Every structure is written in C-alpha cells, then in structure tokens.
Amino acid sequence: MPKMSNVELFELREQPTLTIRATVPAQGLPELIAKSYARIGEYLAELGVGICDVPFVIYYNMDVDALDVEIGFPVPSAQPGKGEI
C-alpha cells in the first residue's frame, strides 16, 4: 500500500491581502491569473507598497466550467481596495 502524506493543521496569524475574486472557465484561468497579478501589481506600485510573501490563488469550487477563484498578494498592512481589487 502506498505511503500516505502526513497532514498537519496550522494556525496562522491574520494576513492582510489585496485580491481579485472572479469566476472563469478552467481554460481561461492562466490569462485571468496573469491579468490579476498585473492589475494588483500596478495598484501596489501606485500605493508604494510591496508584497510580503508569495502570490496565491484560492479555489472556492472545482467546477471546470465556472471556477470561483480569488487571486492575490499578501501585503504588510491593510490597504484600501480600488475597483475590482
């Protein structure tokens, strides 16, 4: 029988983020991710704020025809949203 991975539960501190949430077919996901990172990156430059960890994508479902995803960056402190961000 294959060895199972060890699953661990971690409690993390609250982390401010700037994100875009959207619904997209799976085939459109790479383009959405690229455009979202670019839009958020431009807005971060406007604010003069850098990121403080790796970018991420959260999947709220696995419907390949209508993926509900949230794409973003962790930031060092809470920032105001703008438009879809």
Protein backbone atom coordinates (compact mmCIF):
# COMPACT_ATOMS: atom_id res chain seq x y z
CA MET A 1 0.00 0.00 0.00
CA PRO A 2 1.43 3.46 -0.87
CA LYS A 3 2.52 5.67 1.98
CA MET A 4 0.08 8.50 2.77
CA SER A 5 1.33 12.03 3.32
CA ASN A 6 1.27 13.43 6.81
CA VAL A 7 -1.48 16.00 7.17
CA GLU A 8 -0.92 18.80 9.66
CA LEU A 9 -3.14 21.64 10.83
CA PHE A 10 -1.55 25.05 11.39
CA GLU A 11 -2.99 28.20 12.89
CA LEU A 12 -1.68 31.23 11.06
CA ARG A 13 -1.82 34.86 12.05
CA GLU A 14 -4.18 37.13 10.16
CA GLN A 15 -2.57 38.38 6.94
CA PRO A 16 -3.72 41.47 5.00
CA THR A 17 -4.04 40.86 1.27
CA LEU A 18 -5.08 42.58 -1.94
CA THR A 19 -7.09 40.26 -4.18
CA ILE A 20 -9.38 39.96 -7.17
CA ARG A 21 -12.20 37.39 -6.99
CA ALA A 22 -13.69 36.13 -10.24
CA THR A 23 -15.49 33.23 -11.90
CA VAL A 24 -13.88 31.83 -15.04
CA PRO A 25 -13.88 28.60 -17.11
CA ALA A 26 -10.78 26.50 -16.39
CA GLN A 27 -9.28 27.22 -19.82
CA GLY A 28 -9.36 30.96 -19.05
CA LEU A 29 -7.62 30.64 -15.68
CA PRO A 30 -4.00 31.23 -16.79
CA GLU A 31 -4.95 34.50 -18.50
CA LEU A 32 -7.06 35.62 -15.53
CA ILE A 33 -4.19 34.92 -13.11
CA ALA A 34 -1.71 36.86 -15.25
CA LYS A 35 -4.03 39.85 -15.68
CA SER A 36 -5.00 39.87 -12.00
CA TYR A 37 -1.38 39.81 -10.82
CA ALA A 38 -0.60 42.65 -13.25
CA ARG A 39 -3.57 44.79 -12.10
CA ILE A 40 -2.79 44.26 -8.43
CA GLY A 41 0.92 44.89 -9.06
CA GLU A 42 0.14 48.20 -10.78
CA TYR A 43 -2.09 49.22 -7.88
CA LEU A 44 0.58 48.27 -5.34
CA ALA A 45 3.04 50.46 -7.25
CA GLU A 46 0.52 53.35 -7.08
CA LEU A 47 0.29 52.85 -3.33
CA GLY A 48 4.05 52.49 -2.94
CA VAL A 49 3.52 49.18 -1.14
CA GLY A 50 5.42 45.94 -1.71
CA ILE A 51 4.29 42.37 -1.19
CA CYS A 52 5.44 40.45 1.88
CA ASP A 53 5.04 36.82 0.77
CA VAL A 54 4.29 34.66 -2.27
CA PRO A 55 1.28 35.33 -4.54
CA PHE A 56 -1.63 32.91 -4.24
CA VAL A 57 -4.81 31.58 -5.83
CA ILE A 58 -7.69 30.31 -3.69
CA TYR A 59 -10.16 27.91 -5.30
CA TYR A 60 -13.67 28.08 -3.82
CA ASN A 61 -15.00 25.32 -6.06
CA MET A 62 -13.78 22.83 -8.67
CA ASP A 63 -16.39 23.48 -11.38
CA VAL A 64 -14.26 23.50 -14.55
CA ASP A 65 -16.94 25.48 -16.38
CA ALA A 66 -17.14 28.18 -13.69
CA LEU A 67 -14.17 28.20 -11.31
CA ASP A 68 -14.70 30.62 -8.42
CA VAL A 69 -11.20 31.87 -7.58
CA GLU A 70 -9.52 34.60 -5.58
CA ILE A 71 -6.11 35.76 -6.81
CA GLY A 72 -3.81 37.98 -4.82
CA PHE A 73 -0.76 39.04 -2.86
CA PRO A 74 -0.09 39.26 0.87
CA VAL A 75 0.80 42.82 1.90
CA PRO A 76 2.45 44.09 5.08
CA SER A 77 -0.54 46.15 6.26
CA ALA A 78 -4.21 46.66 5.37
CA GLN A 79 -4.67 48.70 2.19
CA PRO A 80 -7.79 50.20 0.61
CA GLY A 81 -9.33 48.38 -2.32
CA LYS A 82 -9.86 50.02 -5.72
CA GLY A 83 -12.40 48.87 -8.30
CA GLU A 84 -12.31 45.07 -8.51
CA ILE A 85 -9.34 44.88 -6.11
